[in-house]
Amino acid sequence: MDTTPPEDETVERFWAQARKVAGFTRLDVVVGENEVAALTPPAWSFGTDAEEADELLALVVAGVKTATSSARWEWEAEGEELPRPGDLSIICDGAGEPHVLTRTTAVDVVPFDQVPAEHAAAEGEGDRSLEHWRQVHERYLRHVLGGYGREFTPETPVVLERFAVLYPRRRRR
């Protein structure tokens, strides 16, 4: 799921700025109107290495990537709850530098062989086809699940997450 843990101080500075722009104020947190903004969201990177994290982040920033997927068993093995609509995340580059604040808009769990073409397209990778998605994600899932002593099958449960970008951090040149 994540590649490089970000520096806490860097994430906190990013969150302070993103929270303002996204409309989450400290007052909302104090009076309980916006519980999701009470804590710094989890910060993580897409992909399995720094290069892939940078490539996938660029797709998010460009507005091409609005979805992601993972194996349900991966979440279970890590003892983590599945994402829920409304959850916030800070997406980092391959070096762990935060760049984007997202909000989860939808979550579904389906067998691998029932992932819809629309989801594959929303992931924004390759030619955005279901065929490409299946090829890349089967390879990824076989690798990841092997580390948990699980085997990939066409029925492997896959967590499909859709998200919206709330705050893009502009890169300095």
N, C-alpha and C. Protein backbone atom coordinates (compact mmCIF):
# COMPACT_ATOMS: atom_id res chain seq x y z
N MET A 1 0.81 -1.18 0.00
CA MET A 1 0.00 0.00 0.00
C MET A 1 0.86 1.26 0.00
N ASP A 2 1.73 1.44 1.00
CA ASP A 2 2.57 2.63 0.97
C ASP A 2 4.02 2.23 0.73
N THR A 3 4.80 3.19 0.20
CA THR A 3 6.17 2.88 -0.15
C THR A 3 7.17 3.50 0.81
N THR A 4 7.05 4.78 1.08
CA THR A 4 8.00 5.47 1.95
C THR A 4 7.23 6.24 3.01
N PRO A 5 7.48 5.97 4.29
CA PRO A 5 6.76 6.73 5.31
C PRO A 5 7.19 8.19 5.28
N PRO A 6 6.24 9.10 5.27
CA PRO A 6 6.60 10.52 5.23
C PRO A 6 7.08 11.01 6.58
N GLU A 7 7.80 12.12 6.56
CA GLU A 7 8.25 12.77 7.78
C GLU A 7 7.03 13.40 8.45
N ASP A 8 6.84 13.17 9.73
CA ASP A 8 5.67 13.68 10.44
C ASP A 8 5.53 15.19 10.33
N GLU A 9 6.63 15.91 10.50
CA GLU A 9 6.58 17.37 10.46
C GLU A 9 6.14 17.88 9.08
N THR A 10 6.63 17.26 8.04
CA THR A 10 6.26 17.65 6.68
C THR A 10 4.77 17.41 6.44
N VAL A 11 4.29 16.28 6.89
CA VAL A 11 2.87 15.96 6.74
C VAL A 11 2.02 16.93 7.54
N GLU A 12 2.43 17.26 8.74
CA GLU A 12 1.65 18.19 9.57
C GLU A 12 1.57 19.57 8.92
N ARG A 13 2.70 20.04 8.35
CA ARG A 13 2.67 21.34 7.65
C ARG A 13 1.74 21.28 6.45
N PHE A 14 1.81 20.18 5.69
CA PHE A 14 0.93 20.01 4.54
C PHE A 14 -0.53 20.00 5.01
N TRP A 15 -0.83 19.24 6.03
CA TRP A 15 -2.19 19.13 6.54
C TRP A 15 -2.71 20.48 7.02
N ALA A 16 -1.88 21.28 7.68
CA ALA A 16 -2.31 22.60 8.15
C ALA A 16 -2.76 23.47 6.98
N GLN A 17 -2.02 23.43 5.88
CA GLN A 17 -2.38 24.21 4.69
C GLN A 17 -3.58 23.60 3.97
N ALA A 18 -3.56 22.30 3.76
CA ALA A 18 -4.63 21.63 3.02
C ALA A 18 -5.96 21.77 3.75
N ARG A 19 -5.92 21.67 5.07
CA ARG A 19 -7.15 21.77 5.87
C ARG A 19 -7.83 23.11 5.64
N LYS A 20 -7.04 24.18 5.58
CA LYS A 20 -7.60 25.52 5.35
C LYS A 20 -8.25 25.60 3.98
N VAL A 21 -7.53 25.19 2.97
CA VAL A 21 -8.02 25.29 1.59
C VAL A 21 -9.24 24.39 1.38
N ALA A 22 -9.25 23.21 2.01
CA ALA A 22 -10.36 22.28 1.85
C ALA A 22 -11.56 22.65 2.71
N GLY A 23 -11.40 23.66 3.57
CA GLY A 23 -12.52 24.14 4.36
C GLY A 23 -12.69 23.47 5.70
N PHE A 24 -11.66 22.79 6.19
CA PHE A 24 -11.71 22.19 7.51
C PHE A 24 -11.00 23.14 8.47
N THR A 25 -11.75 23.76 9.37
CA THR A 25 -11.14 24.69 10.30
C THR A 25 -11.05 24.06 11.68
N ARG A 26 -10.21 24.63 12.51
CA ARG A 26 -10.09 24.13 13.88
C ARG A 26 -11.41 24.28 14.63
N LEU A 27 -12.19 25.31 14.33
CA LEU A 27 -13.47 25.52 14.99
C LEU A 27 -14.41 24.35 14.69
N ASP A 28 -14.41 23.87 13.44
CA ASP A 28 -15.24 22.72 13.09
C ASP A 28 -14.90 21.54 13.99
N VAL A 29 -13.63 21.34 14.24
CA VAL A 29 -13.18 20.21 15.04
C VAL A 29 -13.62 20.39 16.49
N VAL A 30 -13.47 21.60 17.03
CA VAL A 30 -13.79 21.87 18.42
C VAL A 30 -15.27 21.64 18.70
N VAL A 31 -16.14 22.08 17.81
CA VAL A 31 -17.57 21.93 18.05
C VAL A 31 -18.12 20.61 17.50
N GLY A 32 -17.26 19.80 16.93
CA GLY A 32 -17.66 18.46 16.51
C GLY A 32 -18.42 18.38 15.21
N GLU A 33 -18.42 19.43 14.43
CA GLU A 33 -19.16 19.38 13.18
C GLU A 33 -18.39 18.68 12.08
N ASN A 34 -17.12 18.48 12.26
CA ASN A 34 -16.33 17.86 11.21
C ASN A 34 -15.32 16.91 11.83
N GLU A 35 -15.82 15.78 12.35
CA GLU A 35 -14.96 14.83 13.06
C GLU A 35 -13.81 14.35 12.21
N VAL A 36 -14.03 14.21 10.89
CA VAL A 36 -12.99 13.67 10.01
C VAL A 36 -11.76 14.56 9.99
N ALA A 37 -11.93 15.85 10.29
CA ALA A 37 -10.81 16.78 10.26
C ALA A 37 -10.09 16.89 11.61
N ALA A 38 -10.53 16.11 12.59
CA ALA A 38 -9.95 16.20 13.93
C ALA A 38 -8.50 15.70 13.98
N LEU A 39 -8.19 14.70 13.20
CA LEU A 39 -6.86 14.11 13.22
C LEU A 39 -6.21 14.26 11.85
N THR A 40 -4.89 14.27 11.84
CA THR A 40 -4.18 14.28 10.57
C THR A 40 -4.50 12.99 9.83
N PRO A 41 -4.93 13.09 8.58
CA PRO A 41 -5.25 11.88 7.81
C PRO A 41 -4.00 11.02 7.59
N PRO A 42 -4.20 9.75 7.32
CA PRO A 42 -3.05 8.90 7.00
C PRO A 42 -2.36 9.41 5.74
N ALA A 43 -1.05 9.33 5.74
CA ALA A 43 -0.24 9.75 4.59
C ALA A 43 0.42 8.50 4.01
N TRP A 44 0.30 8.33 2.69
CA TRP A 44 0.82 7.14 2.04
C TRP A 44 1.07 7.42 0.56
N SER A 45 1.72 6.49 -0.09
CA SER A 45 2.03 6.59 -1.51
C SER A 45 1.41 5.41 -2.25
N PHE A 46 1.04 5.64 -3.48
CA PHE A 46 0.58 4.56 -4.35
C PHE A 46 1.77 3.71 -4.78
N GLY A 47 1.50 2.47 -5.17
CA GLY A 47 2.51 1.65 -5.83
C GLY A 47 3.40 0.88 -4.89
N THR A 48 4.38 0.23 -5.50
CA THR A 48 5.29 -0.64 -4.74
C THR A 48 6.70 -0.10 -4.63
N ASP A 49 6.99 1.00 -5.34
CA ASP A 49 8.32 1.61 -5.24
C ASP A 49 8.20 3.10 -5.53
N ALA A 50 9.29 3.83 -5.33
CA ALA A 50 9.28 5.29 -5.46
C ALA A 50 8.92 5.74 -6.87
N GLU A 51 9.44 5.07 -7.87
CA GLU A 51 9.16 5.46 -9.25
C GLU A 51 7.67 5.31 -9.57
N GLU A 52 7.10 4.19 -9.17
CA GLU A 52 5.67 3.97 -9.41
C GLU A 52 4.82 4.96 -8.61
N ALA A 53 5.24 5.26 -7.39
CA ALA A 53 4.52 6.24 -6.58
C ALA A 53 4.47 7.59 -7.28
N ASP A 54 5.59 8.01 -7.85
CA ASP A 54 5.64 9.29 -8.57
C ASP A 54 4.76 9.28 -9.81
N GLU A 55 4.79 8.18 -10.55
CA GLU A 55 3.97 8.06 -11.77
C GLU A 55 2.49 8.13 -11.44
N LEU A 56 2.08 7.40 -10.40
CA LEU A 56 0.66 7.37 -10.05
C LEU A 56 0.20 8.69 -9.44
N LEU A 57 1.06 9.33 -8.65
CA LEU A 57 0.74 10.64 -8.12
C LEU A 57 0.53 11.64 -9.26
N ALA A 58 1.37 11.58 -10.28
CA ALA A 58 1.23 12.50 -11.42
C ALA A 58 -0.14 12.32 -12.09
N LEU A 59 -0.62 11.08 -12.15
CA LEU A 59 -1.95 10.83 -12.73
C LEU A 59 -3.05 11.44 -11.86
N VAL A 60 -2.87 11.39 -10.54
CA VAL A 60 -3.84 11.99 -9.63
C VAL A 60 -3.86 13.50 -9.82
N VAL A 61 -2.68 14.10 -9.81
CA VAL A 61 -2.56 15.56 -9.97
C VAL A 61 -3.16 16.02 -11.29
N ALA A 62 -2.99 15.22 -12.34
CA ALA A 62 -3.52 15.56 -13.66
C ALA A 62 -5.03 15.32 -13.75
N GLY A 63 -5.62 14.71 -12.73
CA GLY A 63 -7.05 14.45 -12.74
C GLY A 63 -7.44 13.19 -13.50
N VAL A 64 -6.45 12.38 -13.87
CA VAL A 64 -6.71 11.16 -14.62
C VAL A 64 -7.04 9.99 -13.69
N LYS A 65 -6.34 9.91 -12.58
CA LYS A 65 -6.53 8.81 -11.63
C LYS A 65 -7.46 9.28 -10.52
N THR A 66 -8.65 8.66 -10.45
CA THR A 66 -9.64 9.00 -9.43
C THR A 66 -10.10 7.75 -8.67
N ALA A 67 -9.32 6.67 -8.80
CA ALA A 67 -9.67 5.42 -8.14
C ALA A 67 -8.40 4.62 -7.87
N THR A 68 -8.53 3.68 -6.96
CA THR A 68 -7.45 2.76 -6.66
C THR A 68 -8.06 1.44 -6.21
N SER A 69 -7.23 0.43 -6.10
CA SER A 69 -7.72 -0.88 -5.67
C SER A 69 -6.63 -1.61 -4.91
N SER A 70 -7.07 -2.55 -4.08
CA SER A 70 -6.16 -3.35 -3.28
C SER A 70 -6.87 -4.64 -2.91
N ALA A 71 -6.12 -5.59 -2.40
CA ALA A 71 -6.71 -6.84 -1.97
C ALA A 71 -7.32 -6.69 -0.58
N ARG A 72 -8.52 -7.17 -0.41
CA ARG A 72 -9.15 -7.12 0.92
C ARG A 72 -8.26 -7.85 1.94
N TRP A 73 -7.68 -8.95 1.52
CA TRP A 73 -6.84 -9.73 2.44
C TRP A 73 -5.64 -8.93 2.92
N GLU A 74 -5.17 -8.00 2.11
CA GLU A 74 -4.05 -7.14 2.52
C GLU A 74 -4.47 -6.29 3.72
N TRP A 75 -5.65 -5.71 3.66
CA TRP A 75 -6.17 -4.90 4.76
C TRP A 75 -6.33 -5.76 6.02
N GLU A 76 -6.90 -6.95 5.85
CA GLU A 76 -7.11 -7.85 6.98
C GLU A 76 -5.78 -8.25 7.62
N ALA A 77 -4.81 -8.60 6.80
CA ALA A 77 -3.50 -9.04 7.31
C ALA A 77 -2.81 -7.92 8.09
N GLU A 78 -3.03 -6.69 7.68
CA GLU A 78 -2.42 -5.54 8.36
C GLU A 78 -3.25 -5.06 9.55
N GLY A 79 -4.43 -5.68 9.75
CA GLY A 79 -5.29 -5.29 10.87
C GLY A 79 -5.90 -3.92 10.70
N GLU A 80 -6.08 -3.50 9.44
CA GLU A 80 -6.63 -2.16 9.16
C GLU A 80 -8.08 -2.27 8.69
N GLU A 81 -8.85 -1.26 9.04
CA GLU A 81 -10.23 -1.17 8.55
C GLU A 81 -10.21 -0.76 7.09
N LEU A 82 -11.20 -1.22 6.35
CA LEU A 82 -11.34 -0.80 4.95
C LEU A 82 -11.65 0.69 4.91
N PRO A 83 -11.27 1.35 3.83
CA PRO A 83 -11.63 2.76 3.70
C PRO A 83 -13.16 2.90 3.65
N ARG A 84 -13.64 4.09 4.02
CA ARG A 84 -15.07 4.39 4.00
C ARG A 84 -15.28 5.71 3.28
N PRO A 85 -16.42 5.88 2.65
CA PRO A 85 -16.72 7.19 2.07
C PRO A 85 -16.59 8.28 3.12
N GLY A 86 -15.93 9.35 2.75
CA GLY A 86 -15.68 10.46 3.66
C GLY A 86 -14.28 10.46 4.25
N ASP A 87 -13.59 9.31 4.22
CA ASP A 87 -12.23 9.25 4.74
C ASP A 87 -11.32 10.18 3.95
N LEU A 88 -10.38 10.79 4.66
CA LEU A 88 -9.38 11.64 4.04
C LEU A 88 -8.05 10.90 3.98
N SER A 89 -7.25 11.21 2.96
CA SER A 89 -5.89 10.66 2.84
C SER A 89 -4.98 11.74 2.29
N ILE A 90 -3.73 11.68 2.71
CA ILE A 90 -2.69 12.53 2.15
C ILE A 90 -1.84 11.64 1.27
N ILE A 91 -1.78 11.98 -0.01
CA ILE A 91 -1.03 11.16 -0.97
C ILE A 91 0.35 11.79 -1.16
N CYS A 92 1.37 10.95 -1.01
CA CYS A 92 2.76 11.39 -1.08
C CYS A 92 3.43 10.91 -2.36
N ASP A 93 4.55 11.53 -2.68
CA ASP A 93 5.36 11.06 -3.80
C ASP A 93 6.26 9.93 -3.32
N GLY A 94 7.12 9.45 -4.20
CA GLY A 94 7.98 8.33 -3.88
C GLY A 94 9.01 8.61 -2.80
N ALA A 95 9.26 9.89 -2.52
CA ALA A 95 10.20 10.27 -1.47
C ALA A 95 9.48 10.52 -0.14
N GLY A 96 8.15 10.36 -0.14
CA GLY A 96 7.39 10.58 1.08
C GLY A 96 6.95 12.01 1.29
N GLU A 97 7.09 12.84 0.27
CA GLU A 97 6.69 14.25 0.35
C GLU A 97 5.19 14.35 0.03
N PRO A 98 4.37 14.96 0.92
CA PRO A 98 2.94 15.06 0.67
C PRO A 98 2.60 16.05 -0.44
N HIS A 99 1.61 15.68 -1.27
CA HIS A 99 1.23 16.53 -2.39
C HIS A 99 -0.26 16.73 -2.56
N VAL A 100 -1.08 15.75 -2.16
CA VAL A 100 -2.51 15.81 -2.47
C VAL A 100 -3.32 15.33 -1.28
N LEU A 101 -4.41 16.04 -1.00
CA LEU A 101 -5.39 15.61 -0.01
C LEU A 101 -6.59 15.08 -0.77
N THR A 102 -7.00 13.85 -0.46
CA THR A 102 -8.15 13.25 -1.14
C THR A 102 -9.22 12.87 -0.12
N ARG A 103 -10.45 12.73 -0.63
CA ARG A 103 -11.58 12.22 0.16
C ARG A 103 -12.13 11.01 -0.58
N THR A 104 -12.29 9.92 0.13
CA THR A 104 -12.89 8.71 -0.44
C THR A 104 -14.37 8.99 -0.70
N THR A 105 -14.82 8.68 -1.92
CA THR A 105 -16.21 8.93 -2.29
C THR A 105 -17.04 7.65 -2.37
N ALA A 106 -16.39 6.51 -2.62
CA ALA A 106 -17.12 5.24 -2.72
C ALA A 106 -16.15 4.09 -2.49
N VAL A 107 -16.66 3.02 -1.89
CA VAL A 107 -15.87 1.81 -1.66
C VAL A 107 -16.76 0.61 -1.94
N ASP A 108 -16.24 -0.32 -2.73
CA ASP A 108 -16.92 -1.58 -3.01
C ASP A 108 -15.90 -2.70 -2.89
N VAL A 109 -16.35 -3.87 -2.54
CA VAL A 109 -15.51 -5.05 -2.53
C VAL A 109 -16.14 -6.05 -3.48
N VAL A 110 -15.37 -6.44 -4.51
CA VAL A 110 -15.87 -7.38 -5.52
C VAL A 110 -14.78 -8.40 -5.85
N PRO A 111 -15.16 -9.55 -6.36
CA PRO A 111 -14.14 -10.49 -6.83
C PRO A 111 -13.34 -9.86 -7.97
N PHE A 112 -12.07 -10.23 -8.05
CA PHE A 112 -11.18 -9.70 -9.08
C PHE A 112 -11.81 -9.77 -10.47
N ASP A 113 -12.41 -10.91 -10.80
CA ASP A 113 -12.94 -11.09 -12.15
C ASP A 113 -14.26 -10.35 -12.39
N GLN A 114 -14.74 -9.60 -11.38
CA GLN A 114 -15.95 -8.81 -11.55
C GLN A 114 -15.70 -7.30 -11.44
N VAL A 115 -14.42 -6.91 -11.44
CA VAL A 115 -14.10 -5.48 -11.43
C VAL A 115 -14.61 -4.88 -12.74
N PRO A 116 -15.41 -3.82 -12.67
CA PRO A 116 -15.97 -3.24 -13.90
C PRO A 116 -14.96 -2.40 -14.69
N ALA A 117 -15.20 -2.32 -15.97
CA ALA A 117 -14.33 -1.53 -16.87
C ALA A 117 -14.27 -0.07 -16.43
N GLU A 118 -15.36 0.45 -15.89
CA GLU A 118 -15.39 1.85 -15.46
C GLU A 118 -14.37 2.10 -14.35
N HIS A 119 -14.23 1.11 -13.47
CA HIS A 119 -13.25 1.28 -12.40
C HIS A 119 -11.82 1.25 -12.96
N ALA A 120 -11.58 0.31 -13.87
CA ALA A 120 -10.25 0.23 -14.49
C ALA A 120 -9.89 1.55 -15.16
N ALA A 121 -10.84 2.14 -15.86
CA ALA A 121 -10.60 3.43 -16.52
C ALA A 121 -10.32 4.53 -15.49
N ALA A 122 -11.05 4.51 -14.38
CA ALA A 122 -10.87 5.54 -13.35
C ALA A 122 -9.51 5.43 -12.66
N GLU A 123 -8.90 4.25 -12.69
CA GLU A 123 -7.56 4.12 -12.11
C GLU A 123 -6.53 4.84 -12.96
N GLY A 124 -6.84 5.09 -14.24
CA GLY A 124 -6.03 5.96 -15.07
C GLY A 124 -4.72 5.42 -15.58
N GLU A 125 -4.46 4.14 -15.41
CA GLU A 125 -3.16 3.59 -15.77
C GLU A 125 -3.17 2.98 -17.17
N GLY A 126 -2.01 3.00 -17.81
CA GLY A 126 -1.86 2.38 -19.13
C GLY A 126 -2.85 2.97 -20.12
N ASP A 127 -3.52 2.08 -20.87
CA ASP A 127 -4.51 2.56 -21.84
C ASP A 127 -5.90 2.67 -21.22
N ARG A 128 -5.98 2.51 -19.89
CA ARG A 128 -7.20 2.63 -19.10
C ARG A 128 -8.22 1.53 -19.39
N SER A 129 -7.79 0.46 -20.03
CA SER A 129 -8.70 -0.65 -20.36
C SER A 129 -8.77 -1.65 -19.21
N LEU A 130 -9.85 -2.42 -19.19
CA LEU A 130 -10.00 -3.48 -18.20
C LEU A 130 -8.93 -4.55 -18.40
N GLU A 131 -8.60 -4.84 -19.65
CA GLU A 131 -7.56 -5.83 -19.95
C GLU A 131 -6.22 -5.42 -19.33
N HIS A 132 -5.83 -4.16 -19.53
CA HIS A 132 -4.59 -3.67 -18.95
C HIS A 132 -4.65 -3.73 -17.42
N TRP A 133 -5.78 -3.26 -16.86
CA TRP A 133 -5.94 -3.27 -15.41
C TRP A 133 -5.76 -4.68 -14.86
N ARG A 134 -6.43 -5.65 -15.48
CA ARG A 134 -6.34 -7.04 -15.00
C ARG A 134 -4.91 -7.56 -15.07
N GLN A 135 -4.22 -7.29 -16.15
CA GLN A 135 -2.84 -7.77 -16.30
C GLN A 135 -1.94 -7.19 -15.20
N VAL A 136 -1.99 -5.90 -15.01
CA VAL A 136 -1.13 -5.23 -14.03
C VAL A 136 -1.52 -5.61 -12.60
N HIS A 137 -2.80 -5.64 -12.33
CA HIS A 137 -3.23 -5.91 -10.97
C HIS A 137 -3.13 -7.38 -10.58
N GLU A 138 -3.26 -8.28 -11.52
CA GLU A 138 -3.04 -9.68 -11.18
C GLU A 138 -1.59 -9.89 -10.77
N ARG A 139 -0.67 -9.30 -11.50
CA ARG A 139 0.76 -9.39 -11.15
C ARG A 139 1.01 -8.79 -9.76
N TYR A 140 0.45 -7.62 -9.52
CA TYR A 140 0.60 -6.96 -8.23
C TYR A 140 0.01 -7.82 -7.10
N LEU A 141 -1.21 -8.31 -7.30
CA LEU A 141 -1.86 -9.09 -6.26
C LEU A 141 -1.13 -10.40 -5.98
N ARG A 142 -0.64 -11.05 -7.00
CA ARG A 142 0.13 -12.28 -6.78
C ARG A 142 1.35 -11.99 -5.90
N HIS A 143 2.02 -10.89 -6.19
CA HIS A 143 3.20 -10.50 -5.41
C HIS A 143 2.83 -10.18 -3.96
N VAL A 144 1.84 -9.32 -3.77
CA VAL A 144 1.46 -8.88 -2.43
C VAL A 144 0.89 -10.03 -1.61
N LEU A 145 -0.01 -10.78 -2.20
CA LEU A 145 -0.67 -11.85 -1.44
C LEU A 145 0.30 -12.95 -1.06
N GLY A 146 1.30 -13.19 -1.90
CA GLY A 146 2.32 -14.18 -1.57
C GLY A 146 3.01 -13.87 -0.26
N GLY A 147 3.19 -12.58 0.02
CA GLY A 147 3.82 -12.16 1.27
C GLY A 147 2.95 -12.43 2.49
N TYR A 148 1.68 -12.65 2.28
CA TYR A 148 0.75 -12.95 3.37
C TYR A 148 0.34 -14.42 3.38
N GLY A 149 1.01 -15.23 2.55
CA GLY A 149 0.69 -16.65 2.50
C GLY A 149 -0.63 -16.95 1.82
N ARG A 150 -1.10 -16.03 0.98
CA ARG A 150 -2.37 -16.22 0.26
C ARG A 150 -2.05 -16.36 -1.23
N GLU A 151 -2.95 -17.00 -1.94
CA GLU A 151 -2.78 -17.17 -3.39
C GLU A 151 -3.86 -16.40 -4.13
N PHE A 152 -3.45 -15.80 -5.23
CA PHE A 152 -4.39 -15.09 -6.09
C PHE A 152 -5.28 -16.09 -6.82
N THR A 153 -6.56 -15.77 -6.92
CA THR A 153 -7.50 -16.49 -7.80
C THR A 153 -8.39 -15.43 -8.44
N PRO A 154 -9.14 -15.78 -9.48
CA PRO A 154 -10.06 -14.81 -10.07
C PRO A 154 -11.13 -14.33 -9.08
N GLU A 155 -11.33 -15.09 -8.00
CA GLU A 155 -12.33 -14.70 -7.00
C GLU A 155 -11.74 -13.88 -5.85
N THR A 156 -10.45 -13.58 -5.91
CA THR A 156 -9.82 -12.79 -4.85
C THR A 156 -10.61 -11.51 -4.63
N PRO A 157 -11.02 -11.23 -3.38
CA PRO A 157 -11.78 -10.00 -3.13
C PRO A 157 -10.89 -8.76 -3.25
N VAL A 158 -11.38 -7.82 -4.04
CA VAL A 158 -10.64 -6.58 -4.32
C VAL A 158 -11.43 -5.39 -3.79
N VAL A 159 -10.74 -4.51 -3.08
CA VAL A 159 -11.34 -3.29 -2.55
C VAL A 159 -11.20 -2.21 -3.63
N LEU A 160 -12.32 -1.73 -4.11
CA LEU A 160 -12.34 -0.67 -5.13
C LEU A 160 -12.69 0.64 -4.44
N GLU A 161 -11.78 1.58 -4.53
CA GLU A 161 -11.97 2.87 -3.85
C GLU A 161 -11.96 3.99 -4.88
N ARG A 162 -12.97 4.84 -4.81
CA ARG A 162 -13.02 6.05 -5.63
C ARG A 162 -12.71 7.23 -4.71
N PHE A 163 -12.08 8.27 -5.27
CA PHE A 163 -11.73 9.41 -4.44
C PHE A 163 -11.79 10.69 -5.26
N ALA A 164 -11.87 11.80 -4.54
CA ALA A 164 -11.84 13.13 -5.15
C ALA A 164 -10.69 13.90 -4.53
N VAL A 165 -10.02 14.70 -5.31
CA VAL A 165 -8.92 15.53 -4.82
C VAL A 165 -9.52 16.79 -4.20
N LEU A 166 -9.15 17.05 -2.94
CA LEU A 166 -9.61 18.25 -2.25
C LEU A 166 -8.58 19.37 -2.29
N TYR A 167 -7.33 18.96 -2.32
CA TYR A 167 -6.26 19.96 -2.29
C TYR A 167 -5.03 19.44 -3.02
N PRO A 168 -4.69 20.02 -4.14
CA PRO A 168 -3.41 19.67 -4.79
C PRO A 168 -2.32 20.64 -4.34
N ARG A 169 -1.18 20.10 -4.03
CA ARG A 169 -0.03 20.91 -3.67
C ARG A 169 0.76 21.16 -4.94
N ARG A 170 0.98 22.37 -5.28
CA ARG A 170 1.73 22.73 -6.48
C ARG A 170 3.20 22.51 -6.26
N ARG A 171 3.86 21.90 -7.24
CA ARG A 171 5.31 21.69 -7.14
C ARG A 171 6.02 23.00 -7.46
N ARG A 172 7.04 23.28 -6.68
CA ARG A 172 7.85 24.48 -6.93
C ARG A 172 8.86 24.19 -8.01
N ARG A 173 9.11 25.18 -8.83
CA ARG A 173 10.09 25.00 -9.90
C ARG A 173 11.27 25.90 -9.70
